Amino acid sequence: MTELRPGLAASESHTVTEVDTALAVGSGDVPVLATPRLVAWMESATVAAVGADLADGDTTVGTRIEVDHVAASPLGALVEVRCELTAVDGRTLRFSVVALDGDGEPVGHGTVTRAVVGRERFLARWTQRA
């Protein structure tokens, strides 16, 4: 494993579309950004933050997510997700995540924890059970 250090960061921008709504993903019945989609966007940013710095053959998998979704985002809204690697403990990575609307107001915030794993070994473990 390459040595990962706190400070690695990434950001992604997304526009809320029909497929991103609580109504579409089944987490509610209103056409606003679904919490599961917000969490997925946050995880995507964390993957991007460390992807280029992982050793060949390694990847990360999510192990814990703590997110407060504090504001609704309607169809067409721009949401910027930012993350920063704040702690490294062996193979455990902890990220601070925040999502902001087009005016810079918070949409959500929290922490995402991921574990560095060997991709092939990880997949082999689960494909043998299938």
Protein backbone atom coordinates (compact mmCIF):
# COMPACT_ATOMS: atom_id res chain seq x y z
CA MET A 1 0.00 0.00 0.00
CA THR A 2 1.24 3.47 -0.88
CA GLU A 3 1.41 5.77 2.11
CA LEU A 4 -1.69 7.95 2.12
CA ARG A 5 -1.57 11.17 4.10
CA PRO A 6 -4.24 13.53 5.42
CA GLY A 7 -4.92 16.49 3.18
CA LEU A 8 -5.81 14.63 -0.01
CA ALA A 9 -9.01 16.19 -1.30
CA ALA A 10 -11.49 16.17 -4.16
CA SER A 11 -14.65 17.92 -5.21
CA GLU A 12 -17.42 17.06 -7.64
CA SER A 13 -20.38 19.05 -8.91
CA HIS A 14 -23.74 17.49 -9.69
CA THR A 15 -27.05 18.78 -10.96
CA VAL A 16 -30.13 17.22 -9.36
CA THR A 17 -32.11 15.32 -12.02
CA GLU A 18 -35.20 13.11 -11.87
CA VAL A 19 -33.12 9.99 -11.15
CA ASP A 20 -31.54 11.69 -8.11
CA THR A 21 -34.81 12.36 -6.28
CA ALA A 22 -36.21 10.68 -3.20
CA LEU A 23 -39.21 9.73 -5.31
CA ALA A 24 -37.02 7.96 -7.88
CA VAL A 25 -34.81 6.04 -5.44
CA GLY A 26 -37.64 5.11 -3.08
CA SER A 27 -36.39 6.98 -0.03
CA GLY A 28 -39.37 9.33 0.05
CA ASP A 29 -42.20 10.67 -2.04
CA VAL A 30 -40.99 14.14 -2.97
CA PRO A 31 -39.00 15.27 -6.03
CA VAL A 32 -35.93 16.62 -4.19
CA LEU A 33 -32.39 15.26 -3.81
CA ALA A 34 -32.52 11.88 -2.10
CA THR A 35 -30.31 11.32 0.91
CA PRO A 36 -29.00 8.02 -0.56
CA ARG A 37 -27.94 9.89 -3.72
CA LEU A 38 -26.22 12.60 -1.64
CA VAL A 39 -24.35 9.88 0.26
CA ALA A 40 -23.34 8.21 -3.03
CA TRP A 41 -21.99 11.52 -4.32
CA MET A 42 -20.03 11.97 -1.09
CA GLU A 43 -18.57 8.48 -1.40
CA SER A 44 -17.66 9.15 -5.02
CA ALA A 45 -15.66 12.20 -3.99
CA THR A 46 -13.76 10.17 -1.38
CA VAL A 47 -12.89 7.55 -3.98
CA ALA A 48 -11.59 10.30 -6.27
CA ALA A 49 -9.54 11.90 -3.48
CA VAL A 50 -7.30 8.87 -2.98
CA GLY A 51 -7.64 6.89 -6.21
CA ALA A 52 -4.45 8.14 -7.85
CA ASP A 53 -2.44 7.58 -4.66
CA LEU A 54 -3.38 3.94 -4.05
CA ALA A 55 -0.92 1.16 -4.77
CA ASP A 56 -1.53 -0.85 -7.93
CA GLY A 57 -4.21 -3.45 -7.25
CA ASP A 58 -5.67 -1.61 -4.24
CA THR A 59 -9.06 0.02 -3.96
CA THR A 60 -11.19 1.35 -1.12
CA VAL A 61 -14.52 0.15 0.23
CA GLY A 62 -16.93 2.07 2.40
CA THR A 63 -17.25 0.93 6.00
CA ARG A 64 -19.05 3.74 7.82
CA ILE A 65 -21.02 6.83 6.87
CA GLU A 66 -22.30 9.55 9.19
CA VAL A 67 -24.11 12.28 7.27
CA ASP A 68 -26.54 15.02 8.18
CA HIS A 69 -28.68 16.02 5.19
CA VAL A 70 -29.67 19.52 6.29
CA ALA A 71 -31.40 21.13 3.31
CA ALA A 72 -33.54 20.08 0.37
CA SER A 73 -32.25 20.49 -3.19
CA PRO A 74 -34.90 20.71 -5.92
CA LEU A 75 -34.67 19.49 -9.49
CA GLY A 76 -32.06 21.46 -11.40
CA ALA A 77 -30.14 22.49 -8.29
CA LEU A 78 -26.34 22.46 -8.42
CA VAL A 79 -24.69 20.57 -5.55
CA GLU A 80 -20.94 20.67 -4.99
CA VAL A 81 -19.52 17.87 -2.86
CA ARG A 82 -16.12 18.38 -1.24
CA CYS A 83 -14.08 15.95 0.79
CA GLU A 84 -10.76 15.86 2.56
CA LEU A 85 -8.86 12.92 3.97
CA THR A 86 -8.51 13.83 7.66
CA ALA A 87 -7.11 10.67 9.26
CA VAL A 88 -5.22 7.55 8.26
CA ASP A 89 -5.02 4.62 10.66
CA GLY A 90 -3.33 1.71 8.91
CA ARG A 91 -5.73 0.76 6.14
CA THR A 92 -8.60 2.84 7.57
CA LEU A 93 -9.24 6.24 5.98
CA ARG A 94 -11.52 8.90 7.47
CA PHE A 95 -12.83 11.76 5.35
CA SER A 96 -14.64 14.96 6.17
CA VAL A 97 -17.40 15.60 3.60
CA VAL A 98 -19.58 18.60 2.87
CA ALA A 99 -22.15 19.37 0.18
CA LEU A 100 -23.03 22.94 -0.77
CA ASP A 101 -25.76 24.38 -2.95
CA GLY A 102 -25.14 26.88 -5.75
CA ASP A 103 -25.17 29.74 -3.23
CA GLY A 104 -22.57 28.04 -1.01
CA GLU A 105 -25.14 27.09 1.61
CA PRO A 106 -24.81 23.66 3.29
CA VAL A 107 -26.87 20.79 1.94
CA GLY A 108 -25.15 18.11 4.01
CA HIS A 109 -22.03 17.29 5.96
CA GLY A 110 -20.42 14.43 7.83
CA THR A 111 -17.73 11.78 7.77
CA VAL A 112 -17.06 8.82 5.51
CA THR A 113 -14.79 5.97 6.55
CA ARG A 114 -13.25 3.68 3.96
CA ALA A 115 -10.84 0.74 4.12
CA VAL A 116 -8.02 0.08 1.68
CA VAL A 117 -8.23 -3.47 0.32
CA GLY A 118 -6.56 -5.52 -2.38
CA ARG A 119 -9.14 -5.51 -5.19
CA GLU A 120 -8.59 -9.07 -6.46
CA ARG A 121 -8.42 -10.63 -3.00
CA PHE A 122 -11.55 -8.76 -1.95
CA LEU A 123 -13.48 -9.82 -5.05
CA ALA A 124 -12.27 -13.43 -4.87
CA ARG A 125 -13.58 -13.68 -1.33
CA TRP A 126 -17.09 -12.75 -2.44
CA THR A 127 -17.26 -14.50 -5.81
CA GLN A 128 -16.42 -17.83 -4.14
CA ARG A 129 -19.56 -17.49 -2.02
CA ALA A 130 -21.86 -16.82 -4.96
